[in-house]
Amino acid sequence: MSYFTARLPQFQMVQDDLDNQEAVVKALNSSITDITQNETSTPKHSPLLEKQEEMNELWRSVTSSLKDKRNKMQEKLTSVSTMAAVLSLVSVRLSSSIPCDLVSVRLSSSIPCDLVVRVCGTQRPGLES
């Protein structure tokens, strides 16, 4: 869990930097459009337009990669949180001399019901099948 909490600020810093760069990319695209519309002699395949296309392809690649990494990190964080909750539940069960009483233990609703049944031998309150 500490690995993720240590990486979250770094990830947020990259996200903030990309948000700032997005404004730059939009401004460059707008400027290139203005230049090409004002100059009638600009060919359709000018070096400027080629660089614009290259910049846009790189931008799409970077933003797509960031979105994929964000989704993977979120999945892993959810998985780690679920496992931490299950371990907490197991710890409560092992440290207690009484049977697992889910009414007295506040659980995250993200814990799958089948895990609770396997660990405690009972359903969460209100989720009887």
C-alpha atoms as a PDB file:
ATOM      1  CA  MET A   1       0.000   0.000   0.000  1.00  0.00           C
ATOM      2  CA  SER A   2       2.859   2.368   0.793  1.00  0.00           C
ATOM      3  CA  TYR A   3       4.214   1.806  -2.727  1.00  0.00           C
ATOM      4  CA  PHE A   4       1.019   3.250  -4.177  1.00  0.00           C
ATOM      5  CA  THR A   5       0.779   6.123  -1.745  1.00  0.00           C
ATOM      6  CA  ALA A   6       4.385   7.029  -2.580  1.00  0.00           C
ATOM      7  CA  ARG A   7       3.669   6.919  -6.331  1.00  0.00           C
ATOM      8  CA  LEU A   8       0.402   8.870  -6.275  1.00  0.00           C
ATOM      9  CA  PRO A   9       2.030  12.315  -5.827  1.00  0.00           C
ATOM     10  CA  GLN A  10       4.459  11.550  -8.657  1.00  0.00           C
ATOM     11  CA  PHE A  11       1.625  10.445 -10.880  1.00  0.00           C
ATOM     12  CA  GLN A  12      -0.377  13.563 -10.011  1.00  0.00           C
ATOM     13  CA  MET A  13       2.635  15.745 -10.853  1.00  0.00           C
ATOM     14  CA  VAL A  14       2.873  14.131 -14.312  1.00  0.00           C
ATOM     15  CA  GLN A  15      -0.883  14.574 -14.767  1.00  0.00           C
ATOM     16  CA  ASP A  16      -0.662  18.266 -13.831  1.00  0.00           C
ATOM     17  CA  ASP A  17       2.249  18.770 -16.212  1.00  0.00           C
ATOM     18  CA  LEU A  18       0.305  17.155 -19.048  1.00  0.00           C
ATOM     19  CA  ASP A  19      -2.705  19.332 -18.275  1.00  0.00           C
ATOM     20  CA  ASN A  20      -0.443  22.368 -18.668  1.00  0.00           C
ATOM     21  CA  GLN A  21       1.040  20.983 -21.890  1.00  0.00           C
ATOM     22  CA  GLU A  22      -2.438  20.426 -23.320  1.00  0.00           C
ATOM     23  CA  ALA A  23      -2.977  24.183 -23.389  1.00  0.00           C
ATOM     24  CA  VAL A  24       0.321  24.589 -25.260  1.00  0.00           C
ATOM     25  CA  VAL A  25      -0.631  21.939 -27.830  1.00  0.00           C
ATOM     26  CA  LYS A  26      -4.023  23.581 -28.405  1.00  0.00           C
ATOM     27  CA  ALA A  27      -2.396  27.004 -28.799  1.00  0.00           C
ATOM     28  CA  LEU A  28       0.148  25.639 -31.280  1.00  0.00           C
ATOM     29  CA  ASN A  29      -2.570  23.933 -33.300  1.00  0.00           C
ATOM     30  CA  SER A  30      -4.601  27.125 -33.349  1.00  0.00           C
ATOM     31  CA  SER A  31      -1.575  29.191 -34.421  1.00  0.00           C
ATOM     32  CA  ILE A  32      -0.683  26.753 -37.196  1.00  0.00           C
ATOM     33  CA  THR A  33      -4.256  26.826 -38.433  1.00  0.00           C
ATOM     34  CA  ASP A  34      -4.187  30.641 -38.461  1.00  0.00           C
ATOM     35  CA  ILE A  35      -0.868  30.676 -40.331  1.00  0.00           C
ATOM     36  CA  THR A  36      -1.972  28.185 -42.958  1.00  0.00           C
ATOM     37  CA  GLN A  37      -5.322  29.909 -43.521  1.00  0.00           C
ATOM     38  CA  ASN A  38      -3.726  33.347 -43.907  1.00  0.00           C
ATOM     39  CA  GLU A  39      -1.074  32.203 -46.365  1.00  0.00           C
ATOM     40  CA  THR A  40      -2.471  31.094 -49.678  1.00  0.00           C
ATOM     41  CA  SER A  41       0.957  29.919 -50.837  1.00  0.00           C
ATOM     42  CA  THR A  42       1.276  27.278 -48.079  1.00  0.00           C
ATOM     43  CA  PRO A  43       1.249  23.846 -49.724  1.00  0.00           C
ATOM     44  CA  LYS A  44      -0.951  21.109 -48.281  1.00  0.00           C
ATOM     45  CA  HIS A  45       2.145  19.096 -47.340  1.00  0.00           C
ATOM     46  CA  SER A  46       4.357  21.788 -45.892  1.00  0.00           C
ATOM     47  CA  PRO A  47       6.999  20.973 -43.255  1.00  0.00           C
ATOM     48  CA  LEU A  48       4.964  22.986 -40.749  1.00  0.00           C
ATOM     49  CA  LEU A  49       1.880  20.823 -41.293  1.00  0.00           C
ATOM     50  CA  GLU A  50       4.001  17.677 -41.130  1.00  0.00           C
ATOM     51  CA  LYS A  51       5.433  18.802 -37.786  1.00  0.00           C
ATOM     52  CA  GLN A  52       1.933  19.606 -36.568  1.00  0.00           C
ATOM     53  CA  GLU A  53       0.764  16.105 -37.454  1.00  0.00           C
ATOM     54  CA  GLU A  54       3.826  14.590 -35.766  1.00  0.00           C
ATOM     55  CA  MET A  55       3.186  16.682 -32.636  1.00  0.00           C
ATOM     56  CA  ASN A  56      -0.475  15.628 -32.562  1.00  0.00           C
ATOM     57  CA  GLU A  57       0.408  11.943 -32.966  1.00  0.00           C
ATOM     58  CA  LEU A  58       2.908  12.172 -30.106  1.00  0.00           C
ATOM     59  CA  TRP A  59       0.369  14.010 -27.962  1.00  0.00           C
ATOM     60  CA  ARG A  60      -2.276  11.343 -28.583  1.00  0.00           C
ATOM     61  CA  SER A  61       0.261   8.633 -27.740  1.00  0.00           C
ATOM     62  CA  VAL A  62       1.291  10.298 -24.474  1.00  0.00           C
ATOM     63  CA  THR A  63      -2.271  10.952 -23.327  1.00  0.00           C
ATOM     64  CA  SER A  64      -3.342   7.422 -24.251  1.00  0.00           C
ATOM     65  CA  SER A  65      -0.410   5.951 -22.341  1.00  0.00           C
ATOM     66  CA  LEU A  66      -1.206   8.078 -19.300  1.00  0.00           C
ATOM     67  CA  LYS A  67      -4.856   7.016 -19.386  1.00  0.00           C
ATOM     68  CA  ASP A  68      -3.826   3.338 -19.554  1.00  0.00           C
ATOM     69  CA  LYS A  69      -1.395   3.732 -16.660  1.00  0.00           C
ATOM     70  CA  ARG A  70      -4.007   5.598 -14.612  1.00  0.00           C
ATOM     71  CA  ASN A  71      -6.524   2.801 -15.170  1.00  0.00           C
ATOM     72  CA  LYS A  72      -3.986   0.100 -14.252  1.00  0.00           C
ATOM     73  CA  MET A  73      -2.968   1.975 -11.124  1.00  0.00           C
ATOM     74  CA  GLN A  74      -6.611   2.403 -10.115  1.00  0.00           C
ATOM     75  CA  GLU A  75      -7.249  -1.326 -10.613  1.00  0.00           C
ATOM     76  CA  LYS A  76      -4.213  -2.227  -8.516  1.00  0.00           C
ATOM     77  CA  LEU A  77      -5.128   0.277  -5.823  1.00  0.00           C
ATOM     78  CA  THR A  78      -8.650  -1.155  -5.646  1.00  0.00           C
ATOM     79  CA  SER A  79      -7.220  -4.663  -5.409  1.00  0.00           C
ATOM     80  CA  VAL A  80      -4.778  -3.655  -2.677  1.00  0.00           C
ATOM     81  CA  SER A  81      -7.537  -1.877  -0.743  1.00  0.00           C
ATOM     82  CA  THR A  82      -9.751  -4.946  -0.939  1.00  0.00           C
ATOM     83  CA  MET A  83      -6.956  -7.202   0.247  1.00  0.00           C
ATOM     84  CA  ALA A  84      -6.141  -4.810   3.098  1.00  0.00           C
ATOM     85  CA  ALA A  85      -9.782  -4.924   4.189  1.00  0.00           C
ATOM     86  CA  VAL A  86      -9.807  -8.730   4.015  1.00  0.00           C
ATOM     87  CA  LEU A  87      -6.573  -8.917   6.019  1.00  0.00           C
ATOM     88  CA  SER A  88      -8.068  -6.568   8.577  1.00  0.00           C
ATOM     89  CA  LEU A  89     -11.115  -8.803   8.783  1.00  0.00           C
ATOM     90  CA  VAL A  90      -8.929 -11.893   9.215  1.00  0.00           C
ATOM     91  CA  SER A  91      -6.940 -10.110  11.913  1.00  0.00           C
ATOM     92  CA  VAL A  92     -10.115  -9.228  13.792  1.00  0.00           C
ATOM     93  CA  ARG A  93     -11.314 -12.806  13.456  1.00  0.00           C
ATOM     94  CA  LEU A  94      -8.042 -14.297  14.677  1.00  0.00           C
ATOM     95  CA  SER A  95      -7.595 -11.872  17.551  1.00  0.00           C
ATOM     96  CA  SER A  96     -11.119 -12.375  18.769  1.00  0.00           C
ATOM     97  CA  SER A  97     -12.143 -15.325  20.869  1.00  0.00           C
ATOM     98  CA  ILE A  98     -15.766 -14.928  19.822  1.00  0.00           C
ATOM     99  CA  PRO A  99     -17.101 -15.857  16.376  1.00  0.00           C
ATOM    100  CA  CYS A 100     -16.788 -13.291  13.639  1.00  0.00           C
ATOM    101  CA  ASP A 101     -19.568 -10.783  14.272  1.00  0.00           C
ATOM    102  CA  LEU A 102     -19.919  -8.629  11.191  1.00  0.00           C
ATOM    103  CA  VAL A 103     -22.406  -6.337  12.881  1.00  0.00           C
ATOM    104  CA  SER A 104     -19.709  -5.022  15.215  1.00  0.00           C
ATOM    105  CA  VAL A 105     -17.022  -4.745  12.532  1.00  0.00           C
ATOM    106  CA  ARG A 106     -17.291  -1.876  10.082  1.00  0.00           C
ATOM    107  CA  LEU A 107     -16.298  -3.206   6.684  1.00  0.00           C
ATOM    108  CA  SER A 108     -15.708  -1.538   3.387  1.00  0.00           C
ATOM    109  CA  SER A 109     -18.529  -2.354   1.004  1.00  0.00           C
ATOM    110  CA  SER A 110     -15.859  -3.225  -1.569  1.00  0.00           C
ATOM    111  CA  ILE A 111     -15.157  -6.569   0.115  1.00  0.00           C
ATOM    112  CA  PRO A 112     -16.727  -9.279  -2.020  1.00  0.00           C
ATOM    113  CA  CYS A 113     -19.430 -11.195  -0.187  1.00  0.00           C
ATOM    114  CA  ASP A 114     -17.901 -14.584  -1.000  1.00  0.00           C
ATOM    115  CA  LEU A 115     -14.649 -13.559   0.757  1.00  0.00           C
ATOM    116  CA  VAL A 116     -16.571 -12.604   3.882  1.00  0.00           C
ATOM    117  CA  VAL A 117     -18.365 -15.940   3.840  1.00  0.00           C
ATOM    118  CA  ARG A 118     -15.072 -17.831   3.456  1.00  0.00           C
ATOM    119  CA  VAL A 119     -13.310 -15.873   6.197  1.00  0.00           C
ATOM    120  CA  CYS A 120     -16.126 -15.533   8.713  1.00  0.00           C
ATOM    121  CA  GLY A 121     -18.506 -18.251   7.739  1.00  0.00           C
ATOM    122  CA  THR A 122     -21.407 -15.790   7.575  1.00  0.00           C
ATOM    123  CA  GLN A 123     -22.920 -13.208   5.258  1.00  0.00           C
ATOM    124  CA  ARG A 124     -22.657  -9.462   5.763  1.00  0.00           C
ATOM    125  CA  PRO A 125     -25.794  -8.126   7.411  1.00  0.00           C
ATOM    126  CA  GLY A 126     -28.512  -7.470   4.855  1.00  0.00           C
ATOM    127  CA  LEU A 127     -26.858  -9.561   2.145  1.00  0.00           C
ATOM    128  CA  GLU A 128     -28.201 -12.991   2.989  1.00  0.00           C
ATOM    129  CA  SER A 129     -28.647 -15.156  -0.086  1.00  0.00           C
END
